[in-house]
């Protein structure tokens, strides 16, 4: 294989050694073997109501789509439980996230940098940067929230740069892909202020 051009402005932290205990790729691949992605030219159901399947490694429900036999773009729909949150994670793919329903916020930061809070609601669009830690929170205690993530997974996998890693605060219990994740929430501005007062 060739080498990356020295003048390519790619964050060095994207090139990481495999961390088997933190990698989510095996869980994702097994999920898609057991629950094949929807294929075709369109999704036959409403994204707000289509049935989704539990993804324990991500602490939410989800489903993948492989539309129009695209080789670069991949998409998945995820649902956060009322008042729930995803697992804090990062990935080497670019991702654009569209909020299909609900309201909440996401915490985004690079290792060692201050967290940024992105508020979102139905119709919002945002993008966590490549290899930045991020975690999604449903702010509604009574209703689910759903988001559609569109990523360049096919390209990144072909280039053998695909990596999805759980944050070290997210605990793995068990072996293989059958495990439970304790989704430790990132600090919100309100809890951070309370902690500073003590």
N, C-alpha and C. Protein backbone atom coordinates (compact mmCIF):
# COMPACT_ATOMS: atom_id res chain seq x y z
N UNK A 1 0.84 -1.19 0.00
CA UNK A 1 0.00 0.00 0.00
C UNK A 1 0.88 1.25 0.00
N UNK A 2 0.36 2.30 -0.58
CA UNK A 2 1.09 3.56 -0.60
C UNK A 2 1.06 4.25 0.75
N UNK A 3 1.82 5.32 0.86
CA UNK A 3 1.85 6.09 2.10
C UNK A 3 1.09 7.38 1.90
N UNK A 4 0.65 7.97 3.03
CA UNK A 4 -0.05 9.24 2.97
C UNK A 4 0.94 10.35 2.60
N UNK A 5 0.52 11.27 1.75
CA UNK A 5 1.39 12.41 1.43
C UNK A 5 1.69 13.19 2.70
N UNK A 6 2.94 13.62 2.86
CA UNK A 6 3.34 14.35 4.06
C UNK A 6 2.60 15.67 4.22
N UNK A 7 2.20 16.27 3.11
CA UNK A 7 1.54 17.57 3.20
C UNK A 7 0.02 17.46 3.37
N UNK A 8 -0.51 16.22 3.53
CA UNK A 8 -1.94 16.06 3.71
C UNK A 8 -2.31 16.49 5.13
N UNK A 9 -3.25 17.39 5.25
CA UNK A 9 -3.64 17.95 6.54
C UNK A 9 -4.66 17.05 7.23
N UNK A 10 -4.21 15.89 7.69
CA UNK A 10 -5.06 14.93 8.37
C UNK A 10 -4.62 14.87 9.82
N UNK A 11 -5.56 15.03 10.79
CA UNK A 11 -5.16 14.98 12.20
C UNK A 11 -4.43 13.68 12.52
N UNK A 12 -3.28 13.81 13.16
CA UNK A 12 -2.47 12.64 13.47
C UNK A 12 -3.20 11.66 14.37
N UNK A 13 -4.10 12.18 15.24
CA UNK A 13 -4.78 11.31 16.18
C UNK A 13 -5.77 10.36 15.51
N UNK A 14 -6.07 10.56 14.21
CA UNK A 14 -6.94 9.63 13.51
C UNK A 14 -6.27 8.28 13.33
N UNK A 15 -4.95 8.27 13.18
CA UNK A 15 -4.24 7.03 12.96
C UNK A 15 -3.89 6.40 14.31
N UNK A 16 -4.70 5.44 14.71
CA UNK A 16 -4.56 4.84 16.03
C UNK A 16 -4.37 3.33 15.89
N UNK A 17 -3.75 2.76 16.90
CA UNK A 17 -3.66 1.31 16.96
C UNK A 17 -5.02 0.76 17.38
N UNK A 18 -5.33 -0.43 16.93
CA UNK A 18 -6.60 -1.04 17.30
C UNK A 18 -6.66 -1.24 18.80
N UNK A 19 -7.73 -0.83 19.42
CA UNK A 19 -7.99 -1.04 20.83
C UNK A 19 -9.14 -2.03 20.90
N UNK A 20 -8.83 -3.31 21.01
CA UNK A 20 -9.83 -4.36 20.92
C UNK A 20 -10.94 -4.19 21.95
N UNK A 21 -10.58 -3.81 23.17
CA UNK A 21 -11.58 -3.67 24.22
C UNK A 21 -12.53 -2.50 23.98
N UNK A 22 -12.09 -1.49 23.26
CA UNK A 22 -12.92 -0.30 23.04
C UNK A 22 -13.55 -0.26 21.65
N UNK A 23 -13.11 -1.11 20.73
CA UNK A 23 -13.62 -1.06 19.36
C UNK A 23 -15.06 -1.53 19.30
N UNK A 24 -15.86 -0.84 18.50
CA UNK A 24 -17.26 -1.21 18.30
C UNK A 24 -17.50 -1.89 16.96
N UNK A 25 -16.47 -2.05 16.16
CA UNK A 25 -16.68 -2.56 14.81
C UNK A 25 -17.22 -3.98 14.81
N UNK A 26 -16.72 -4.87 15.66
CA UNK A 26 -17.22 -6.24 15.69
C UNK A 26 -18.70 -6.27 16.08
N UNK A 27 -19.09 -5.47 17.06
CA UNK A 27 -20.50 -5.42 17.47
C UNK A 27 -21.38 -4.90 16.33
N UNK A 28 -20.91 -3.88 15.65
CA UNK A 28 -21.66 -3.31 14.53
C UNK A 28 -21.82 -4.34 13.41
N UNK A 29 -20.73 -5.03 13.06
CA UNK A 29 -20.79 -6.01 11.98
C UNK A 29 -21.72 -7.17 12.33
N UNK A 30 -21.67 -7.64 13.57
CA UNK A 30 -22.56 -8.73 13.97
C UNK A 30 -24.02 -8.27 13.94
N UNK A 31 -24.27 -7.05 14.40
CA UNK A 31 -25.62 -6.49 14.36
C UNK A 31 -26.15 -6.50 12.92
N UNK A 32 -25.33 -6.06 11.97
CA UNK A 32 -25.77 -6.00 10.57
C UNK A 32 -25.91 -7.38 9.92
N UNK A 33 -25.17 -8.38 10.42
CA UNK A 33 -25.38 -9.75 9.93
C UNK A 33 -26.73 -10.27 10.43
N UNK A 34 -27.05 -9.98 11.68
CA UNK A 34 -28.30 -10.46 12.27
C UNK A 34 -29.51 -9.61 11.89
N UNK A 35 -29.28 -8.36 11.53
CA UNK A 35 -30.35 -7.43 11.18
C UNK A 35 -29.92 -6.70 9.90
N UNK A 36 -30.06 -7.36 8.76
CA UNK A 36 -29.53 -6.78 7.51
C UNK A 36 -30.05 -5.36 7.26
N UNK A 37 -29.17 -4.50 6.76
CA UNK A 37 -29.58 -3.13 6.43
C UNK A 37 -30.71 -3.12 5.39
N UNK A 38 -31.52 -2.10 5.40
CA UNK A 38 -32.54 -1.91 4.38
C UNK A 38 -31.84 -1.50 3.10
N UNK A 39 -32.18 -2.17 2.00
CA UNK A 39 -31.57 -1.88 0.71
C UNK A 39 -32.64 -1.43 -0.26
N UNK A 40 -32.21 -0.89 -1.39
CA UNK A 40 -33.14 -0.40 -2.40
C UNK A 40 -32.84 1.06 -2.68
N UNK A 41 -33.80 1.74 -3.28
CA UNK A 41 -33.62 3.15 -3.60
C UNK A 41 -34.17 4.07 -2.52
N UNK A 42 -35.04 3.54 -1.67
CA UNK A 42 -35.63 4.38 -0.61
C UNK A 42 -35.99 3.52 0.59
N UNK A 43 -36.20 4.18 1.70
CA UNK A 43 -36.66 3.51 2.92
C UNK A 43 -38.18 3.47 2.83
N UNK A 44 -38.79 2.28 2.92
CA UNK A 44 -40.23 2.17 2.69
C UNK A 44 -41.10 2.75 3.81
N UNK A 45 -40.52 3.01 4.97
CA UNK A 45 -41.30 3.48 6.12
C UNK A 45 -40.86 4.87 6.54
N UNK A 46 -41.68 5.48 7.37
CA UNK A 46 -41.41 6.80 7.94
C UNK A 46 -40.28 6.68 8.96
N UNK A 47 -39.24 7.49 8.84
CA UNK A 47 -38.12 7.42 9.77
C UNK A 47 -38.53 7.74 11.20
N UNK A 48 -39.65 8.44 11.38
CA UNK A 48 -40.11 8.78 12.73
C UNK A 48 -40.74 7.59 13.43
N UNK A 49 -41.19 6.56 12.64
CA UNK A 49 -41.93 5.46 13.25
C UNK A 49 -41.41 4.07 12.89
N UNK A 50 -40.47 3.95 11.96
CA UNK A 50 -39.95 2.64 11.57
C UNK A 50 -39.41 1.90 12.80
N UNK A 51 -39.63 0.60 12.84
CA UNK A 51 -39.19 -0.20 13.99
C UNK A 51 -37.66 -0.30 14.01
N UNK A 52 -37.09 -0.05 15.16
CA UNK A 52 -35.64 -0.12 15.34
C UNK A 52 -35.30 -1.24 16.32
N UNK A 53 -34.03 -1.66 16.33
CA UNK A 53 -33.57 -2.81 17.10
C UNK A 53 -32.54 -2.37 18.13
N UNK A 54 -32.59 -2.97 19.30
CA UNK A 54 -31.69 -2.62 20.40
C UNK A 54 -30.23 -2.81 19.98
N UNK A 55 -29.41 -1.78 20.29
CA UNK A 55 -27.95 -1.84 20.06
C UNK A 55 -27.29 -1.65 21.43
N UNK A 56 -27.07 -2.73 22.18
CA UNK A 56 -26.58 -2.59 23.56
C UNK A 56 -25.21 -1.91 23.66
N UNK A 57 -24.35 -2.08 22.66
CA UNK A 57 -23.02 -1.46 22.74
C UNK A 57 -23.10 0.05 22.60
N UNK A 58 -24.20 0.57 22.07
CA UNK A 58 -24.36 2.01 21.87
C UNK A 58 -25.42 2.59 22.81
N UNK A 59 -26.07 1.73 23.59
CA UNK A 59 -27.08 2.16 24.56
C UNK A 59 -28.26 2.85 23.87
N UNK A 60 -28.65 2.34 22.69
CA UNK A 60 -29.81 2.88 22.00
C UNK A 60 -30.38 1.82 21.05
N UNK A 61 -31.30 2.22 20.22
CA UNK A 61 -31.83 1.35 19.17
C UNK A 61 -31.36 1.90 17.84
N UNK A 62 -31.31 1.03 16.81
CA UNK A 62 -30.86 1.52 15.52
C UNK A 62 -31.15 0.58 14.38
N UNK A 63 -30.84 1.05 13.17
CA UNK A 63 -30.99 0.28 11.96
C UNK A 63 -30.17 0.96 10.87
N UNK A 64 -29.48 0.16 10.03
CA UNK A 64 -28.66 0.71 8.96
C UNK A 64 -29.41 0.65 7.63
N UNK A 65 -29.00 1.54 6.72
CA UNK A 65 -29.55 1.59 5.37
C UNK A 65 -28.39 1.56 4.37
N UNK A 66 -28.53 0.74 3.34
CA UNK A 66 -27.57 0.72 2.24
C UNK A 66 -28.36 0.97 0.96
N UNK A 67 -28.55 2.23 0.66
CA UNK A 67 -29.43 2.62 -0.44
C UNK A 67 -28.66 2.79 -1.75
N UNK A 68 -29.32 2.48 -2.86
CA UNK A 68 -28.82 2.68 -4.22
C UNK A 68 -27.46 2.03 -4.45
N UNK A 69 -27.16 0.99 -3.69
CA UNK A 69 -25.87 0.29 -3.80
C UNK A 69 -24.69 1.25 -3.68
N UNK A 70 -24.86 2.30 -2.89
CA UNK A 70 -23.76 3.24 -2.66
C UNK A 70 -22.58 2.51 -2.04
N UNK A 71 -21.39 2.87 -2.47
CA UNK A 71 -20.17 2.24 -1.97
C UNK A 71 -19.43 3.13 -0.97
N UNK A 72 -19.73 4.42 -0.94
CA UNK A 72 -19.05 5.35 -0.04
C UNK A 72 -19.94 5.72 1.13
N UNK A 73 -21.17 6.14 0.84
CA UNK A 73 -22.06 6.62 1.89
C UNK A 73 -22.81 5.49 2.56
N UNK A 74 -22.89 5.58 3.87
CA UNK A 74 -23.65 4.65 4.70
C UNK A 74 -24.50 5.48 5.64
N UNK A 75 -25.66 4.99 6.00
CA UNK A 75 -26.48 5.75 6.93
C UNK A 75 -27.15 4.83 7.93
N UNK A 76 -27.42 5.38 9.09
CA UNK A 76 -28.18 4.63 10.08
C UNK A 76 -29.07 5.57 10.86
N UNK A 77 -30.17 5.01 11.34
CA UNK A 77 -31.12 5.73 12.16
C UNK A 77 -30.96 5.23 13.58
N UNK A 78 -30.90 6.13 14.54
CA UNK A 78 -30.74 5.73 15.94
C UNK A 78 -31.83 6.40 16.78
N UNK A 79 -32.21 5.72 17.84
CA UNK A 79 -33.23 6.23 18.75
C UNK A 79 -32.70 6.25 20.17
N UNK A 80 -32.87 7.38 20.84
CA UNK A 80 -32.50 7.53 22.24
C UNK A 80 -33.77 7.41 23.08
N UNK A 81 -33.70 6.64 24.15
CA UNK A 81 -34.84 6.48 25.05
C UNK A 81 -35.18 7.82 25.71
N UNK A 82 -36.41 7.98 26.21
CA UNK A 82 -36.75 9.21 26.92
C UNK A 82 -35.75 9.49 28.04
N UNK A 83 -35.16 10.68 28.04
CA UNK A 83 -34.17 11.04 29.04
C UNK A 83 -32.87 10.27 28.94
N UNK A 84 -32.70 9.48 27.88
CA UNK A 84 -31.52 8.62 27.75
C UNK A 84 -30.39 9.27 26.97
N UNK A 85 -29.30 8.52 26.84
CA UNK A 85 -28.14 9.00 26.11
C UNK A 85 -27.42 7.85 25.44
N UNK A 86 -26.67 8.20 24.40
CA UNK A 86 -25.83 7.21 23.73
C UNK A 86 -24.56 7.02 24.55
N UNK A 87 -23.75 6.10 24.10
CA UNK A 87 -22.43 5.90 24.67
C UNK A 87 -21.50 6.96 24.07
N UNK A 88 -20.58 7.44 24.86
CA UNK A 88 -19.59 8.40 24.35
C UNK A 88 -18.61 7.63 23.47
N UNK A 89 -18.37 8.13 22.27
CA UNK A 89 -17.57 7.39 21.30
C UNK A 89 -16.95 8.36 20.30
N UNK A 90 -16.11 7.83 19.42
CA UNK A 90 -15.53 8.60 18.33
C UNK A 90 -15.29 7.64 17.18
N UNK A 91 -15.18 8.19 15.96
CA UNK A 91 -14.95 7.36 14.79
C UNK A 91 -14.18 8.11 13.72
N UNK A 92 -13.55 7.34 12.86
CA UNK A 92 -12.71 7.90 11.81
C UNK A 92 -13.52 8.30 10.58
N UNK A 93 -14.82 8.06 10.60
CA UNK A 93 -15.66 8.48 9.49
C UNK A 93 -16.17 9.90 9.71
N UNK A 94 -16.40 10.61 8.61
CA UNK A 94 -17.13 11.87 8.69
C UNK A 94 -18.60 11.51 8.90
N UNK A 95 -19.32 12.34 9.62
CA UNK A 95 -20.74 12.08 9.87
C UNK A 95 -21.51 13.38 9.88
N UNK A 96 -22.64 13.37 9.19
CA UNK A 96 -23.60 14.46 9.24
C UNK A 96 -24.83 13.90 9.92
N UNK A 97 -25.31 14.59 10.95
CA UNK A 97 -26.42 14.08 11.75
C UNK A 97 -27.63 15.00 11.61
N UNK A 98 -28.75 14.40 11.21
CA UNK A 98 -30.02 15.12 11.06
C UNK A 98 -30.98 14.61 12.13
N UNK A 99 -31.57 15.53 12.88
CA UNK A 99 -32.51 15.15 13.93
C UNK A 99 -33.89 14.92 13.32
N UNK A 100 -34.34 13.68 13.35
CA UNK A 100 -35.61 13.28 12.77
C UNK A 100 -36.77 13.64 13.70
N UNK A 101 -36.56 13.45 15.00
CA UNK A 101 -37.59 13.81 15.98
C UNK A 101 -36.96 13.97 17.35
N UNK A 102 -37.57 14.82 18.16
CA UNK A 102 -37.12 14.99 19.53
C UNK A 102 -36.27 16.24 19.72
N UNK A 103 -35.76 16.36 20.94
CA UNK A 103 -34.90 17.49 21.29
C UNK A 103 -33.86 17.01 22.29
N UNK A 104 -32.72 17.65 22.27
CA UNK A 104 -31.66 17.25 23.19
C UNK A 104 -30.39 18.02 22.90
N UNK A 105 -29.27 17.39 23.18
CA UNK A 105 -27.98 18.03 22.94
C UNK A 105 -26.92 16.96 22.77
N UNK A 106 -25.80 17.37 22.20
CA UNK A 106 -24.65 16.48 22.06
C UNK A 106 -23.43 17.19 22.62
N UNK A 107 -22.56 16.41 23.25
CA UNK A 107 -21.30 16.92 23.78
C UNK A 107 -20.20 16.44 22.84
N UNK A 108 -19.34 17.37 22.38
CA UNK A 108 -18.30 17.06 21.40
C UNK A 108 -16.98 17.66 21.87
N UNK A 109 -15.90 16.90 21.81
CA UNK A 109 -14.57 17.45 22.07
C UNK A 109 -13.48 16.49 21.60
N UNK A 110 -12.32 17.07 21.27
CA UNK A 110 -11.13 16.27 21.03
C UNK A 110 -10.47 15.99 22.37
N UNK A 111 -9.71 14.92 22.42
CA UNK A 111 -8.99 14.52 23.63
C UNK A 111 -8.23 15.72 24.19
N UNK A 112 -8.44 16.01 25.47
CA UNK A 112 -7.72 17.08 26.15
C UNK A 112 -8.26 18.47 25.89
N UNK A 113 -9.30 18.60 25.08
CA UNK A 113 -9.88 19.91 24.81
C UNK A 113 -11.23 20.06 25.52
N UNK A 114 -11.66 21.29 25.68
CA UNK A 114 -12.92 21.59 26.36
C UNK A 114 -14.11 21.04 25.56
N UNK A 115 -15.10 20.53 26.27
CA UNK A 115 -16.30 20.02 25.62
C UNK A 115 -17.15 21.16 25.08
N UNK A 116 -17.73 20.94 23.91
CA UNK A 116 -18.70 21.88 23.33
C UNK A 116 -20.07 21.22 23.36
N UNK A 117 -21.08 21.99 23.67
CA UNK A 117 -22.45 21.47 23.74
C UNK A 117 -23.22 21.99 22.53
N UNK A 118 -23.80 21.05 21.77
CA UNK A 118 -24.62 21.38 20.61
C UNK A 118 -26.07 21.07 20.95
N UNK A 119 -26.89 22.10 21.04
CA UNK A 119 -28.33 21.92 21.28
C UNK A 119 -28.99 21.52 19.96
N UNK A 120 -29.95 20.58 20.01
CA UNK A 120 -30.64 20.19 18.79
C UNK A 120 -32.11 19.89 19.04
N UNK A 121 -32.87 19.95 17.96
CA UNK A 121 -34.29 19.62 17.97
C UNK A 121 -34.67 19.11 16.60
N UNK A 122 -35.90 18.64 16.45
CA UNK A 122 -36.33 18.14 15.16
C UNK A 122 -36.01 19.13 14.05
N UNK A 123 -35.35 18.65 13.00
CA UNK A 123 -34.96 19.50 11.87
C UNK A 123 -33.54 20.02 11.96
N UNK A 124 -32.85 19.84 13.09
CA UNK A 124 -31.47 20.32 13.23
C UNK A 124 -30.50 19.44 12.44
N UNK A 125 -29.40 20.04 12.03
CA UNK A 125 -28.34 19.34 11.30
C UNK A 125 -27.00 19.76 11.88
N UNK A 126 -26.14 18.79 12.21
CA UNK A 126 -24.80 19.11 12.72
C UNK A 126 -23.84 17.98 12.38
N UNK A 127 -22.57 18.22 12.67
CA UNK A 127 -21.55 17.23 12.34
C UNK A 127 -20.45 17.23 13.39
N UNK A 128 -20.27 16.12 14.11
CA UNK A 128 -19.11 16.02 15.00
C UNK A 128 -17.85 15.82 14.16
N UNK A 129 -16.75 16.50 14.46
CA UNK A 129 -15.53 16.34 13.65
C UNK A 129 -14.98 14.91 13.72
N UNK A 130 -14.24 14.53 12.70
CA UNK A 130 -13.61 13.21 12.65
C UNK A 130 -12.75 12.99 13.90
N UNK A 131 -12.93 11.84 14.54
CA UNK A 131 -12.17 11.36 15.69
C UNK A 131 -12.34 12.23 16.94
N UNK A 132 -13.40 13.03 16.97
CA UNK A 132 -13.73 13.79 18.19
C UNK A 132 -14.67 12.94 19.03
N UNK A 133 -14.47 12.95 20.34
CA UNK A 133 -15.39 12.27 21.25
C UNK A 133 -16.73 12.95 21.16
N UNK A 134 -17.82 12.17 21.15
CA UNK A 134 -19.15 12.77 21.17
C UNK A 134 -20.15 11.81 21.80
N UNK A 135 -21.21 12.42 22.32
CA UNK A 135 -22.25 11.67 23.01
C UNK A 135 -23.54 12.45 22.86
N UNK A 136 -24.64 11.72 22.61
CA UNK A 136 -25.93 12.35 22.35
C UNK A 136 -26.88 12.13 23.53
N UNK A 137 -27.63 13.16 23.89
CA UNK A 137 -28.53 13.13 25.04
C UNK A 137 -29.94 13.55 24.63
N UNK A 138 -30.93 12.75 25.00
CA UNK A 138 -32.33 13.10 24.78
C UNK A 138 -32.79 13.92 25.98
N UNK A 139 -33.17 15.16 25.77
CA UNK A 139 -33.57 16.05 26.86
C UNK A 139 -35.03 15.89 27.25
N UNK A 140 -35.79 15.10 26.51
CA UNK A 140 -37.21 14.92 26.82
C UNK A 140 -37.38 13.68 27.70
N UNK A 141 -37.94 13.84 28.91
CA UNK A 141 -38.09 12.70 29.82
C UNK A 141 -39.23 11.76 29.43
N UNK A 142 -40.06 12.16 28.47
CA UNK A 142 -41.25 11.38 28.13
C UNK A 142 -41.26 10.80 26.72
N UNK A 143 -40.52 11.41 25.79
CA UNK A 143 -40.57 11.00 24.38
C UNK A 143 -39.18 10.57 23.89
N UNK A 144 -39.17 9.65 22.93
CA UNK A 144 -37.91 9.24 22.32
C UNK A 144 -37.41 10.35 21.39
N UNK A 145 -36.13 10.28 21.06
CA UNK A 145 -35.52 11.17 20.06
C UNK A 145 -34.87 10.27 19.02
N UNK A 146 -34.87 10.73 17.77
CA UNK A 146 -34.25 9.95 16.69
C UNK A 146 -33.36 10.85 15.84
N UNK A 147 -32.23 10.27 15.41
CA UNK A 147 -31.35 11.00 14.51
C UNK A 147 -30.88 10.08 13.39
N UNK A 148 -30.68 10.67 12.21
CA UNK A 148 -30.16 9.97 11.06
C UNK A 148 -28.71 10.40 10.87
N UNK A 149 -27.80 9.45 10.86
CA UNK A 149 -26.37 9.73 10.64
C UNK A 149 -25.98 9.23 9.26
N UNK A 150 -25.39 10.11 8.46
CA UNK A 150 -24.92 9.74 7.12
C UNK A 150 -23.40 9.87 7.15
N UNK A 151 -22.71 8.76 6.82
CA UNK A 151 -21.26 8.70 6.96
C UNK A 151 -20.58 8.16 5.70
N UNK A 152 -19.29 8.41 5.59
CA UNK A 152 -18.50 7.91 4.47
C UNK A 152 -17.83 6.58 4.83
N UNK A 153 -18.56 5.70 5.48
CA UNK A 153 -18.02 4.45 6.01
C UNK A 153 -17.40 3.57 4.92
N UNK A 154 -18.06 3.46 3.77
CA UNK A 154 -17.54 2.59 2.71
C UNK A 154 -16.15 2.99 2.26
N UNK A 155 -15.94 4.27 2.08
CA UNK A 155 -14.63 4.77 1.66
C UNK A 155 -13.58 4.51 2.73
N UNK A 156 -13.90 4.84 3.97
CA UNK A 156 -12.94 4.70 5.07
C UNK A 156 -12.61 3.22 5.31
N UNK A 157 -13.61 2.34 5.17
CA UNK A 157 -13.33 0.90 5.31
C UNK A 157 -12.43 0.41 4.19
N UNK A 158 -12.71 0.86 2.97
CA UNK A 158 -11.89 0.44 1.82
C UNK A 158 -10.43 0.87 2.02
N UNK A 159 -10.24 2.03 2.61
CA UNK A 159 -8.88 2.54 2.85
C UNK A 159 -8.26 1.92 4.11
N UNK A 160 -9.01 1.08 4.79
CA UNK A 160 -8.57 0.40 6.02
C UNK A 160 -8.24 1.37 7.15
N UNK A 161 -9.05 2.43 7.23
CA UNK A 161 -8.89 3.42 8.29
C UNK A 161 -10.09 3.45 9.23
N UNK A 162 -11.03 2.52 9.05
CA UNK A 162 -12.26 2.55 9.83
C UNK A 162 -12.00 2.13 11.28
N UNK A 163 -12.40 2.97 12.19
CA UNK A 163 -12.27 2.68 13.62
C UNK A 163 -13.42 3.37 14.34
N UNK A 164 -14.04 2.66 15.27
CA UNK A 164 -15.06 3.22 16.15
C UNK A 164 -14.64 2.83 17.56
N UNK A 165 -14.49 3.80 18.42
CA UNK A 165 -13.96 3.53 19.75
C UNK A 165 -14.86 4.12 20.83
N UNK A 166 -15.16 3.31 21.84
CA UNK A 166 -15.89 3.80 23.01
C UNK A 166 -14.92 4.56 23.92
N UNK A 167 -15.42 5.61 24.53
CA UNK A 167 -14.62 6.40 25.46
C UNK A 167 -14.22 5.51 26.65
N UNK A 168 -13.05 5.73 27.26
CA UNK A 168 -12.61 4.91 28.40
C UNK A 168 -13.59 4.92 29.58
N UNK A 169 -14.44 5.94 29.70
CA UNK A 169 -15.42 5.96 30.80
C UNK A 169 -16.59 5.02 30.54
N UNK A 170 -16.68 4.47 29.34
CA UNK A 170 -17.78 3.56 29.00
C UNK A 170 -17.31 2.13 29.26
N UNK A 171 -17.90 1.48 30.21
CA UNK A 171 -17.42 0.19 30.69
C UNK A 171 -17.98 -0.98 29.90
N UNK A 172 -17.12 -1.95 29.59
CA UNK A 172 -17.54 -3.16 28.92
C UNK A 172 -17.66 -4.27 29.95
N UNK A 173 -18.77 -4.99 29.91
CA UNK A 173 -18.99 -6.09 30.84
C UNK A 173 -19.30 -7.32 30.00
N UNK A 174 -18.54 -8.39 30.15
CA UNK A 174 -18.80 -9.61 29.39
C UNK A 174 -17.79 -9.80 28.28
N UNK A 175 -18.08 -10.77 27.43
CA UNK A 175 -17.16 -11.13 26.34
C UNK A 175 -17.82 -10.96 24.99
N UNK A 176 -17.02 -10.90 23.94
CA UNK A 176 -17.53 -10.83 22.58
C UNK A 176 -18.38 -9.60 22.35
N UNK A 177 -19.43 -9.79 21.57
CA UNK A 177 -20.31 -8.66 21.28
C UNK A 177 -21.55 -8.66 22.16
N UNK A 178 -21.64 -9.63 23.08
CA UNK A 178 -22.78 -9.70 23.99
C UNK A 178 -22.37 -9.07 25.31
N UNK A 179 -22.54 -7.75 25.41
CA UNK A 179 -22.14 -7.05 26.62
C UNK A 179 -23.07 -5.88 26.88
N UNK A 180 -22.98 -5.36 28.07
CA UNK A 180 -23.77 -4.22 28.49
C UNK A 180 -22.82 -3.06 28.71
N UNK A 181 -23.22 -1.88 28.32
CA UNK A 181 -22.40 -0.69 28.49
C UNK A 181 -23.04 0.22 29.51
N UNK A 182 -22.26 0.65 30.49
CA UNK A 182 -22.71 1.65 31.46
C UNK A 182 -22.44 3.01 30.83
N UNK A 183 -23.48 3.64 30.30
CA UNK A 183 -23.30 4.89 29.55
C UNK A 183 -23.19 6.07 30.51
N UNK A 184 -21.98 6.40 30.88
CA UNK A 184 -21.71 7.50 31.81
C UNK A 184 -21.91 8.81 31.07
N UNK A 185 -22.83 9.61 31.58
CA UNK A 185 -23.14 10.88 30.91
C UNK A 185 -22.02 11.89 31.11
N UNK A 186 -21.77 12.68 30.07
CA UNK A 186 -20.83 13.79 30.20
C UNK A 186 -21.48 14.86 31.05
N UNK A 187 -20.66 15.72 31.66
CA UNK A 187 -21.19 16.78 32.50
C UNK A 187 -21.96 17.78 31.67
N UNK A 188 -23.12 18.18 32.18
CA UNK A 188 -23.85 19.28 31.56
C UNK A 188 -23.38 20.56 32.23
N UNK A 189 -23.62 21.74 31.63
CA UNK A 189 -23.20 22.98 32.27
C UNK A 189 -23.77 23.13 33.68
N UNK A 190 -25.00 22.61 33.89
CA UNK A 190 -25.63 22.74 35.22
C UNK A 190 -24.88 21.90 36.27
N UNK A 191 -24.52 20.64 35.93
CA UNK A 191 -23.82 19.80 36.90
C UNK A 191 -22.40 20.26 37.11
N UNK A 192 -21.80 20.84 36.08
CA UNK A 192 -20.43 21.35 36.22
C UNK A 192 -20.41 22.54 37.19
N UNK A 193 -21.44 23.41 37.13
CA UNK A 193 -21.51 24.55 38.03
C UNK A 193 -21.71 24.10 39.48
N UNK A 194 -22.57 23.07 39.68
CA UNK A 194 -22.80 22.56 41.03
C UNK A 194 -21.51 22.00 41.60
N UNK A 195 -20.76 21.25 40.78
CA UNK A 195 -19.50 20.67 41.23
C UNK A 195 -18.47 21.72 41.61
N UNK A 196 -18.49 22.86 40.91
CA UNK A 196 -17.53 23.93 41.20
C UNK A 196 -17.87 24.66 42.50
N UNK A 197 -19.17 24.68 42.86
CA UNK A 197 -19.60 25.40 44.07
C UNK A 197 -19.20 24.65 45.33
N UNK A 198 -19.07 23.32 45.22
CA UNK A 198 -18.76 22.50 46.42
C UNK A 198 -17.33 22.60 46.82
